[in-house]
PDB file of all heavy atoms in Angstrom:
ATOM      1  N   ALA A   1      -6.855  -6.018  -4.831  1.00  0.00           N
ATOM      2  CA  ALA A   1      -5.852  -5.371  -3.984  1.00  0.00           C
ATOM      3  C   ALA A   1      -6.501  -4.985  -2.652  1.00  0.00           C
ATOM      4  O   ALA A   1      -7.626  -4.479  -2.631  1.00  0.00           O
ATOM      5  CB  ALA A   1      -5.291  -4.142  -4.670  1.00  0.00           C
ATOM      6  N   ILE A   2      -5.814  -5.265  -1.539  1.00  0.00           N
ATOM      7  CA  ILE A   2      -6.331  -4.932  -0.212  1.00  0.00           C
ATOM      8  C   ILE A   2      -5.313  -4.044   0.502  1.00  0.00           C
ATOM      9  O   ILE A   2      -4.129  -4.400   0.596  1.00  0.00           O
ATOM     10  CB  ILE A   2      -6.612  -6.192   0.618  1.00  0.00           C
ATOM     11  CG1 ILE A   2      -7.625  -7.102  -0.102  1.00  0.00           C
ATOM     12  CG2 ILE A   2      -7.142  -5.817   2.003  1.00  0.00           C
ATOM     13  CD1 ILE A   2      -7.884  -8.408   0.605  1.00  0.00           C
ATOM     14  N   LEU A   3      -5.785  -2.902   0.995  1.00  0.00           N
ATOM     15  CA  LEU A   3      -4.931  -1.957   1.722  1.00  0.00           C
ATOM     16  C   LEU A   3      -5.517  -1.744   3.122  1.00  0.00           C
ATOM     17  O   LEU A   3      -6.721  -1.560   3.264  1.00  0.00           O
ATOM     18  CB  LEU A   3      -4.863  -0.607   1.000  1.00  0.00           C
ATOM     19  CG  LEU A   3      -4.522  -0.611  -0.493  1.00  0.00           C
ATOM     20  CD1 LEU A   3      -4.623   0.799  -1.050  1.00  0.00           C
ATOM     21  CD2 LEU A   3      -3.122  -1.169  -0.732  1.00  0.00           C
ATOM     22  N   ILE A   4      -4.666  -1.793   4.135  1.00  0.00           N
ATOM     23  CA  ILE A   4      -5.066  -1.432   5.497  1.00  0.00           C
ATOM     24  C   ILE A   4      -4.508  -0.043   5.766  1.00  0.00           C
ATOM     25  O   ILE A   4      -3.291   0.166   5.689  1.00  0.00           O
ATOM     26  CB  ILE A   4      -4.542  -2.440   6.535  1.00  0.00           C
ATOM     27  CG1 ILE A   4      -4.998  -3.866   6.194  1.00  0.00           C
ATOM     28  CG2 ILE A   4      -5.013  -2.045   7.931  1.00  0.00           C
ATOM     29  CD1 ILE A   4      -6.487  -4.071   6.197  1.00  0.00           C
ATOM     30  N   LEU A   5      -5.405   0.900   6.045  1.00  0.00           N
ATOM     31  CA  LEU A   5      -5.003   2.287   6.270  1.00  0.00           C
ATOM     32  C   LEU A   5      -5.050   2.606   7.758  1.00  0.00           C
ATOM     33  O   LEU A   5      -6.072   2.389   8.414  1.00  0.00           O
ATOM     34  CB  LEU A   5      -5.926   3.239   5.512  1.00  0.00           C
ATOM     35  CG  LEU A   5      -6.062   3.007   4.002  1.00  0.00           C
ATOM     36  CD1 LEU A   5      -7.052   3.989   3.402  1.00  0.00           C
ATOM     37  CD2 LEU A   5      -4.715   3.101   3.312  1.00  0.00           C
ATOM     38  N   LYS A   6      -3.949   3.102   8.263  1.00  0.00           N
ATOM     39  CA  LYS A   6      -3.847   3.483   9.668  1.00  0.00           C
ATOM     40  C   LYS A   6      -3.395   4.934   9.721  1.00  0.00           C
ATOM     41  O   LYS A   6      -2.329   5.278   9.210  1.00  0.00           O
ATOM     42  CB  LYS A   6      -2.844   2.569  10.378  1.00  0.00           C
ATOM     43  CG  LYS A   6      -2.839   2.701  11.882  1.00  0.00           C
ATOM     44  CD  LYS A   6      -1.912   1.653  12.493  1.00  0.00           C
ATOM     45  CE  LYS A   6      -1.909   1.725  14.007  1.00  0.00           C
ATOM     46  NZ  LYS A   6      -1.034   0.707  14.604  1.00  0.00           N
ATOM     47  N   ARG A   7      -4.267   5.779  10.300  1.00  0.00           N
ATOM     48  CA  ARG A   7      -4.019   7.223  10.350  1.00  0.00           C
ATOM     49  C   ARG A   7      -3.771   7.789   8.942  1.00  0.00           C
ATOM     50  O   ARG A   7      -2.923   8.656   8.736  1.00  0.00           O
ATOM     51  CB  ARG A   7      -2.838   7.538  11.266  1.00  0.00           C
ATOM     52  CG  ARG A   7      -3.069   7.108  12.716  1.00  0.00           C
ATOM     53  CD  ARG A   7      -1.904   7.479  13.608  1.00  0.00           C
ATOM     54  NE  ARG A   7      -2.093   6.919  14.941  1.00  0.00           N
ATOM     55  CZ  ARG A   7      -1.674   5.720  15.301  1.00  0.00           C
ATOM     56  NH1 ARG A   7      -1.052   4.960  14.417  1.00  0.00           N
ATOM     57  NH2 ARG A   7      -1.887   5.262  16.520  1.00  0.00           N
ATOM     58  N   GLY A   8      -4.507   7.264   7.988  1.00  0.00           N
ATOM     59  CA  GLY A   8      -4.454   7.787   6.629  1.00  0.00           C
ATOM     60  C   GLY A   8      -3.360   7.227   5.745  1.00  0.00           C
ATOM     61  O   GLY A   8      -3.307   7.540   4.550  1.00  0.00           O
ATOM     62  N   ASN A   9      -2.486   6.379   6.314  1.00  0.00           N
ATOM     63  CA  ASN A   9      -1.393   5.807   5.532  1.00  0.00           C
ATOM     64  C   ASN A   9      -1.516   4.287   5.459  1.00  0.00           C
ATOM     65  O   ASN A   9      -2.160   3.658   6.308  1.00  0.00           O
ATOM     66  CB  ASN A   9      -0.032   6.183   6.149  1.00  0.00           C
ATOM     67  CG  ASN A   9       0.224   7.679   6.093  1.00  0.00           C
ATOM     68  OD1 ASN A   9      -0.165   8.334   5.128  1.00  0.00           O
ATOM     69  ND2 ASN A   9       0.856   8.208   7.121  1.00  0.00           N
ATOM     70  N   ILE A  10      -0.884   3.707   4.455  1.00  0.00           N
ATOM     71  CA  ILE A  10      -0.946   2.258   4.256  1.00  0.00           C
ATOM     72  C   ILE A  10      -0.032   1.567   5.261  1.00  0.00           C
ATOM     73  O   ILE A  10       1.184   1.799   5.271  1.00  0.00           O
ATOM     74  CB  ILE A  10      -0.529   1.896   2.815  1.00  0.00           C
ATOM     75  CG1 ILE A  10      -1.481   2.546   1.810  1.00  0.00           C
ATOM     76  CG2 ILE A  10      -0.512   0.388   2.618  1.00  0.00           C
ATOM     77  CD1 ILE A  10      -1.017   2.444   0.366  1.00  0.00           C
ATOM     78  N   SER A  11      -0.630   0.738   6.111  1.00  0.00           N
ATOM     79  CA  SER A  11       0.168  -0.010   7.083  1.00  0.00           C
ATOM     80  C   SER A  11       0.390  -1.452   6.635  1.00  0.00           C
ATOM     81  O   SER A  11       1.328  -2.108   7.087  1.00  0.00           O
ATOM     82  CB  SER A  11      -0.509   0.004   8.456  1.00  0.00           C
ATOM     83  OG  SER A  11      -1.787  -0.628   8.389  1.00  0.00           O
ATOM     84  N   LEU A  12      -0.478  -1.934   5.745  1.00  0.00           N
ATOM     85  CA  LEU A  12      -0.373  -3.321   5.284  1.00  0.00           C
ATOM     86  C   LEU A  12      -1.064  -3.428   3.931  1.00  0.00           C
ATOM     87  O   LEU A  12      -2.063  -2.751   3.687  1.00  0.00           O
ATOM     88  CB  LEU A  12      -1.053  -4.258   6.291  1.00  0.00           C
ATOM     89  CG  LEU A  12      -0.874  -5.765   6.110  1.00  0.00           C
ATOM     90  CD1 LEU A  12       0.589  -6.159   6.259  1.00  0.00           C
ATOM     91  CD2 LEU A  12      -1.739  -6.531   7.120  1.00  0.00           C
ATOM     92  N   CYS A  13      -0.513  -4.272   3.061  1.00  0.00           N
ATOM     93  CA  CYS A  13      -1.147  -4.503   1.763  1.00  0.00           C
ATOM     94  C   CYS A  13      -0.827  -5.923   1.305  1.00  0.00           C
ATOM     95  O   CYS A  13       0.128  -6.542   1.781  1.00  0.00           O
ATOM     96  CB  CYS A  13      -0.692  -3.483   0.726  1.00  0.00           C
ATOM     97  SG  CYS A  13       1.043  -3.618   0.269  1.00  0.00           S
ATOM     98  N   ASN A  14      -1.612  -6.447   0.388  1.00  0.00           N
ATOM     99  CA  ASN A  14      -1.396  -7.812  -0.090  1.00  0.00           C
ATOM    100  C   ASN A  14      -0.624  -7.827  -1.411  1.00  0.00           C
ATOM    101  O   ASN A  14      -0.266  -6.771  -1.957  1.00  0.00           O
ATOM    102  CB  ASN A  14      -2.725  -8.558  -0.216  1.00  0.00           C
ATOM    103  CG  ASN A  14      -3.629  -7.966  -1.290  1.00  0.00           C
ATOM    104  OD1 ASN A  14      -3.373  -6.885  -1.816  1.00  0.00           O
ATOM    105  ND2 ASN A  14      -4.693  -8.671  -1.636  1.00  0.00           N
ATOM    106  N   ARG A  15      -0.389  -9.037  -1.931  1.00  0.00           N
ATOM    107  CA  ARG A  15       0.414  -9.182  -3.147  1.00  0.00           C
ATOM    108  C   ARG A  15      -0.251  -8.523  -4.347  1.00  0.00           C
ATOM    109  O   ARG A  15       0.416  -7.958  -5.209  1.00  0.00           O
ATOM    110  CB  ARG A  15       0.643 -10.674  -3.434  1.00  0.00           C
ATOM    111  CG  ARG A  15       1.435 -11.387  -2.361  1.00  0.00           C
ATOM    112  CD  ARG A  15       1.676 -12.838  -2.738  1.00  0.00           C
ATOM    113  NE  ARG A  15       2.357 -13.562  -1.676  1.00  0.00           N
ATOM    114  CZ  ARG A  15       2.743 -14.826  -1.774  1.00  0.00           C
ATOM    115  NH1 ARG A  15       2.495 -15.502  -2.890  1.00  0.00           N
ATOM    116  NH2 ARG A  15       3.355 -15.420  -0.776  1.00  0.00           N
ATOM    117  N   LYS A  16      -1.581  -8.652  -4.411  1.00  0.00           N
ATOM    118  CA  LYS A  16      -2.300  -8.081  -5.547  1.00  0.00           C
ATOM    119  C   LYS A  16      -2.105  -6.573  -5.610  1.00  0.00           C
ATOM    120  O   LYS A  16      -2.021  -5.994  -6.702  1.00  0.00           O
ATOM    121  CB  LYS A  16      -3.791  -8.414  -5.434  1.00  0.00           C
ATOM    122  CG  LYS A  16      -4.609  -8.029  -6.650  1.00  0.00           C
ATOM    123  CD  LYS A  16      -4.247  -8.868  -7.851  1.00  0.00           C
ATOM    124  CE  LYS A  16      -5.137  -8.524  -9.045  1.00  0.00           C
ATOM    125  NZ  LYS A  16      -4.839  -9.365 -10.215  1.00  0.00           N
ATOM    126  N   ALA A  17      -2.013  -5.929  -4.442  1.00  0.00           N
ATOM    127  CA  ALA A  17      -1.785  -4.482  -4.403  1.00  0.00           C
ATOM    128  C   ALA A  17      -0.408  -4.150  -4.977  1.00  0.00           C
ATOM    129  O   ALA A  17      -0.251  -3.169  -5.711  1.00  0.00           O
ATOM    130  CB  ALA A  17      -1.914  -3.967  -2.973  1.00  0.00           C
ATOM    131  N   LEU A  18       0.577  -4.968  -4.648  1.00  0.00           N
ATOM    132  CA  LEU A  18       1.926  -4.737  -5.183  1.00  0.00           C
ATOM    133  C   LEU A  18       1.922  -4.862  -6.702  1.00  0.00           C
ATOM    134  O   LEU A  18       2.549  -4.065  -7.404  1.00  0.00           O
ATOM    135  CB  LEU A  18       2.921  -5.732  -4.576  1.00  0.00           C
ATOM    136  CG  LEU A  18       3.016  -5.752  -3.041  1.00  0.00           C
ATOM    137  CD1 LEU A  18       4.055  -6.784  -2.601  1.00  0.00           C
ATOM    138  CD2 LEU A  18       3.374  -4.379  -2.500  1.00  0.00           C
ATOM    139  N   ASP A  19       1.195  -5.871  -7.203  1.00  0.00           N
ATOM    140  CA  ASP A  19       1.112  -6.065  -8.657  1.00  0.00           C
ATOM    141  C   ASP A  19       0.351  -4.918  -9.316  1.00  0.00           C
ATOM    142  O   ASP A  19       0.751  -4.425 -10.376  1.00  0.00           O
ATOM    143  CB  ASP A  19       0.414  -7.394  -8.976  1.00  0.00           C
ATOM    144  CG  ASP A  19       1.215  -8.602  -8.497  1.00  0.00           C
ATOM    145  OD1 ASP A  19       2.443  -8.445  -8.308  1.00  0.00           O
ATOM    146  OD2 ASP A  19       0.629  -9.670  -8.319  1.00  0.00           O
ATOM    147  N   LEU A  20      -0.760  -4.508  -8.685  1.00  0.00           N
ATOM    148  CA  LEU A  20      -1.603  -3.476  -9.283  1.00  0.00           C
ATOM    149  C   LEU A  20      -0.861  -2.144  -9.397  1.00  0.00           C
ATOM    150  O   LEU A  20      -0.915  -1.489 -10.443  1.00  0.00           O
ATOM    151  CB  LEU A  20      -2.870  -3.291  -8.447  1.00  0.00           C
ATOM    152  CG  LEU A  20      -3.866  -2.234  -8.942  1.00  0.00           C
ATOM    153  CD1 LEU A  20      -4.431  -2.626 -10.305  1.00  0.00           C
ATOM    154  CD2 LEU A  20      -4.991  -2.047  -7.945  1.00  0.00           C
ATOM    155  N   PHE A  21      -0.151  -1.772  -8.334  1.00  0.00           N
ATOM    156  CA  PHE A  21       0.528  -0.480  -8.320  1.00  0.00           C
ATOM    157  C   PHE A  21       1.982  -0.564  -8.784  1.00  0.00           C
ATOM    158  O   PHE A  21       2.662   0.456  -8.867  1.00  0.00           O
ATOM    159  CB  PHE A  21       0.463   0.127  -6.913  1.00  0.00           C
ATOM    160  CG  PHE A  21      -0.929   0.459  -6.474  1.00  0.00           C
ATOM    161  CD1 PHE A  21      -1.587  -0.329  -5.544  1.00  0.00           C
ATOM    162  CD2 PHE A  21      -1.606   1.540  -7.008  1.00  0.00           C
ATOM    163  CE1 PHE A  21      -2.884  -0.030  -5.138  1.00  0.00           C
ATOM    164  CE2 PHE A  21      -2.898   1.842  -6.614  1.00  0.00           C
ATOM    165  CZ  PHE A  21      -3.537   1.055  -5.675  1.00  0.00           C
ATOM    166  N   MET A  22       2.454  -1.799  -9.065  1.00  0.00           N
ATOM    167  CA  MET A  22       3.834  -2.010  -9.542  1.00  0.00           C
ATOM    168  C   MET A  22       4.846  -1.439  -8.550  1.00  0.00           C
ATOM    169  O   MET A  22       5.818  -0.781  -8.921  1.00  0.00           O
ATOM    170  CB  MET A  22       4.038  -1.363 -10.915  1.00  0.00           C
ATOM    171  CG  MET A  22       3.171  -1.949 -12.015  1.00  0.00           C
ATOM    172  SD  MET A  22       3.485  -1.130 -13.595  1.00  0.00           S
ATOM    173  CE  MET A  22       2.408  -2.077 -14.671  1.00  0.00           C
ATOM    174  N   ARG A  23       4.606  -1.716  -7.266  1.00  0.00           N
ATOM    175  CA  ARG A  23       5.505  -1.213  -6.226  1.00  0.00           C
ATOM    176  C   ARG A  23       5.852  -2.333  -5.254  1.00  0.00           C
ATOM    177  O   ARG A  23       5.160  -3.346  -5.185  1.00  0.00           O
ATOM    178  CB  ARG A  23       4.845  -0.053  -5.469  1.00  0.00           C
ATOM    179  CG  ARG A  23       4.789   1.253  -6.262  1.00  0.00           C
ATOM    180  CD  ARG A  23       3.983   2.313  -5.497  1.00  0.00           C
ATOM    181  NE  ARG A  23       4.146   3.641  -6.052  1.00  0.00           N
ATOM    182  CZ  ARG A  23       3.442   4.125  -7.068  1.00  0.00           C
ATOM    183  NH1 ARG A  23       2.527   3.363  -7.650  1.00  0.00           N
ATOM    184  NH2 ARG A  23       3.641   5.352  -7.519  1.00  0.00           N
ATOM    185  N   SER A  24       6.912  -2.118  -4.479  1.00  0.00           N
ATOM    186  CA  SER A  24       7.347  -3.096  -3.486  1.00  0.00           C
ATOM    187  C   SER A  24       6.668  -2.818  -2.149  1.00  0.00           C
ATOM    188  O   SER A  24       6.036  -1.767  -1.967  1.00  0.00           O
ATOM    189  CB  SER A  24       8.869  -3.017  -3.312  1.00  0.00           C
ATOM    190  OG  SER A  24       9.232  -1.756  -2.777  1.00  0.00           O
ATOM    191  N   HIS A  25       6.823  -3.765  -1.200  1.00  0.00           N
ATOM    192  CA  HIS A  25       6.280  -3.563   0.145  1.00  0.00           C
ATOM    193  C   HIS A  25       6.866  -2.301   0.772  1.00  0.00           C
ATOM    194  O   HIS A  25       6.162  -1.540   1.442  1.00  0.00           O
ATOM    195  CB  HIS A  25       6.596  -4.774   1.026  1.00  0.00           C
ATOM    196  CG  HIS A  25       5.569  -5.865   0.934  1.00  0.00           C
ATOM    197  ND1 HIS A  25       4.281  -5.712   1.377  1.00  0.00           N
ATOM    198  CD2 HIS A  25       5.657  -7.134   0.440  1.00  0.00           C
ATOM    199  CE1 HIS A  25       3.601  -6.828   1.187  1.00  0.00           C
ATOM    200  NE2 HIS A  25       4.409  -7.708   0.609  1.00  0.00           N
ATOM    201  N   LYS A  26       8.137  -2.076   0.543  1.00  0.00           N
ATOM    202  CA  LYS A  26       8.803  -0.918   1.116  1.00  0.00           C
ATOM    203  C   LYS A  26       8.234   0.376   0.552  1.00  0.00           C
ATOM    204  O   LYS A  26       8.026   1.357   1.277  1.00  0.00           O
ATOM    205  CB  LYS A  26      10.305  -0.994   0.835  1.00  0.00           C
ATOM    206  CG  LYS A  26      11.107   0.123   1.488  1.00  0.00           C
ATOM    207  CD  LYS A  26      12.594  -0.050   1.221  1.00  0.00           C
ATOM    208  CE  LYS A  26      13.396   1.066   1.874  1.00  0.00           C
ATOM    209  NZ  LYS A  26      14.857   0.920   1.601  1.00  0.00           N
ATOM    210  N   GLU A  27       7.952   0.373  -0.748  1.00  0.00           N
ATOM    211  CA  GLU A  27       7.396   1.571  -1.381  1.00  0.00           C
ATOM    212  C   GLU A  27       5.951   1.818  -0.966  1.00  0.00           C
ATOM    213  O   GLU A  27       5.517   2.971  -0.874  1.00  0.00           O
ATOM    214  CB  GLU A  27       7.478   1.440  -2.904  1.00  0.00           C
ATOM    215  CG  GLU A  27       8.904   1.485  -3.434  1.00  0.00           C
ATOM    216  CD  GLU A  27       8.980   1.120  -4.908  1.00  0.00           C
ATOM    217  OE1 GLU A  27       8.284   0.168  -5.316  1.00  0.00           O
ATOM    218  OE2 GLU A  27       9.738   1.782  -5.647  1.00  0.00           O
ATOM    219  N   MET A  28       5.211   0.746  -0.726  1.00  0.00           N
ATOM    220  CA  MET A  28       3.808   0.899  -0.340  1.00  0.00           C
ATOM    221  C   MET A  28       3.648   1.263   1.134  1.00  0.00           C
ATOM    222  O   MET A  28       2.742   2.013   1.497  1.00  0.00           O
ATOM    223  CB  MET A  28       3.049  -0.402  -0.628  1.00  0.00           C
ATOM    224  CG  MET A  28       2.896  -0.721  -2.103  1.00  0.00           C
ATOM    225  SD  MET A  28       1.775   0.382  -2.963  1.00  0.00           S
ATOM    226  CE  MET A  28       0.197  -0.186  -2.337  1.00  0.00           C
ATOM    227  N   GLY A  29       4.520   0.715   1.976  1.00  0.00           N
ATOM    228  CA  GLY A  29       4.413   0.947   3.416  1.00  0.00           C
ATOM    229  C   GLY A  29       4.542   2.414   3.769  1.00  0.00           C
ATOM    230  O   GLY A  29       5.521   3.065   3.403  1.00  0.00           O
ATOM    231  N   GLY A  30       3.553   2.957   4.472  1.00  0.00           N
ATOM    232  CA  GLY A  30       3.596   4.345   4.911  1.00  0.00           C
ATOM    233  C   GLY A  30       3.095   5.335   3.876  1.00  0.00           C
ATOM    234  O   GLY A  30       2.929   6.524   4.178  1.00  0.00           O
ATOM    235  N   ALA A  31       2.855   4.874   2.637  1.00  0.00           N
ATOM    236  CA  ALA A  31       2.358   5.779   1.602  1.00  0.00           C
ATOM    237  C   ALA A  31       0.888   6.084   1.837  1.00  0.00           C
ATOM    238  O   ALA A  31       0.147   5.274   2.389  1.00  0.00           O
ATOM    239  CB  ALA A  31       2.562   5.157   0.219  1.00  0.00           C
ATOM    240  N   ALA A  32       0.450   7.263   1.421  1.00  0.00           N
ATOM    241  CA  ALA A  32      -0.959   7.637   1.486  1.00  0.00           C
ATOM    242  C   ALA A  32      -1.603   7.359   0.141  1.00  0.00           C
ATOM    243  O   ALA A  32      -0.926   7.400  -0.887  1.00  0.00           O
ATOM    244  CB  ALA A  32      -1.089   9.119   1.841  1.00  0.00           C
ATOM    245  N   PRO A  33      -2.901   7.054   0.116  1.00  0.00           N
ATOM    246  CA  PRO A  33      -3.573   6.822  -1.172  1.00  0.00           C
ATOM    247  C   PRO A  33      -3.383   7.968  -2.155  1.00  0.00           C
ATOM    248  O   PRO A  33      -3.305   7.747  -3.367  1.00  0.00           O
ATOM    249  CB  PRO A  33      -5.044   6.665  -0.764  1.00  0.00           C
ATOM    250  CG  PRO A  33      -4.991   6.124   0.626  1.00  0.00           C
ATOM    251  CD  PRO A  33      -3.808   6.793   1.256  1.00  0.00           C
ATOM    252  N   LEU A  34      -3.293   9.201  -1.642  1.00  0.00           N
ATOM    253  CA  LEU A  34      -3.083  10.344  -2.546  1.00  0.00           C
ATOM    254  C   LEU A  34      -1.724  10.284  -3.235  1.00  0.00           C
ATOM    255  O   LEU A  34      -1.554  10.830  -4.330  1.00  0.00           O
ATOM    256  CB  LEU A  34      -3.213  11.659  -1.770  1.00  0.00           C
ATOM    257  CG  LEU A  34      -4.641  12.107  -1.437  1.00  0.00           C
ATOM    258  CD1 LEU A  34      -4.620  13.360  -0.586  1.00  0.00           C
ATOM    259  CD2 LEU A  34      -5.442  12.332  -2.708  1.00  0.00           C
ATOM    260  N   ASP A  35      -0.742   9.610  -2.581  1.00  0.00           N
ATOM    261  CA  ASP A  35       0.574   9.450  -3.213  1.00  0.00           C
ATOM    262  C   ASP A  35       0.487   8.564  -4.450  1.00  0.00           C
ATOM    263  O   ASP A  35       1.391   8.585  -5.291  1.00  0.00           O
ATOM    264  CB  ASP A  35       1.573   8.841  -2.218  1.00  0.00           C
ATOM    265  CG  ASP A  35       1.790   9.734  -1.004  1.00  0.00           C
ATOM    266  OD1 ASP A  35       1.620  10.961  -1.144  1.00  0.00           O
ATOM    267  OD2 ASP A  35       2.123   9.207   0.070  1.00  0.00           O
TER     268      ASP A  35
END
């Protein structure tokens, strides 16, 4: 899973990240790792 963090939030992620966290692009976008 690859996450690009901008100002502490996820600005971009790959497919493996979606599979790993069981979330959609919309759910991952803007989320913080602490979420």
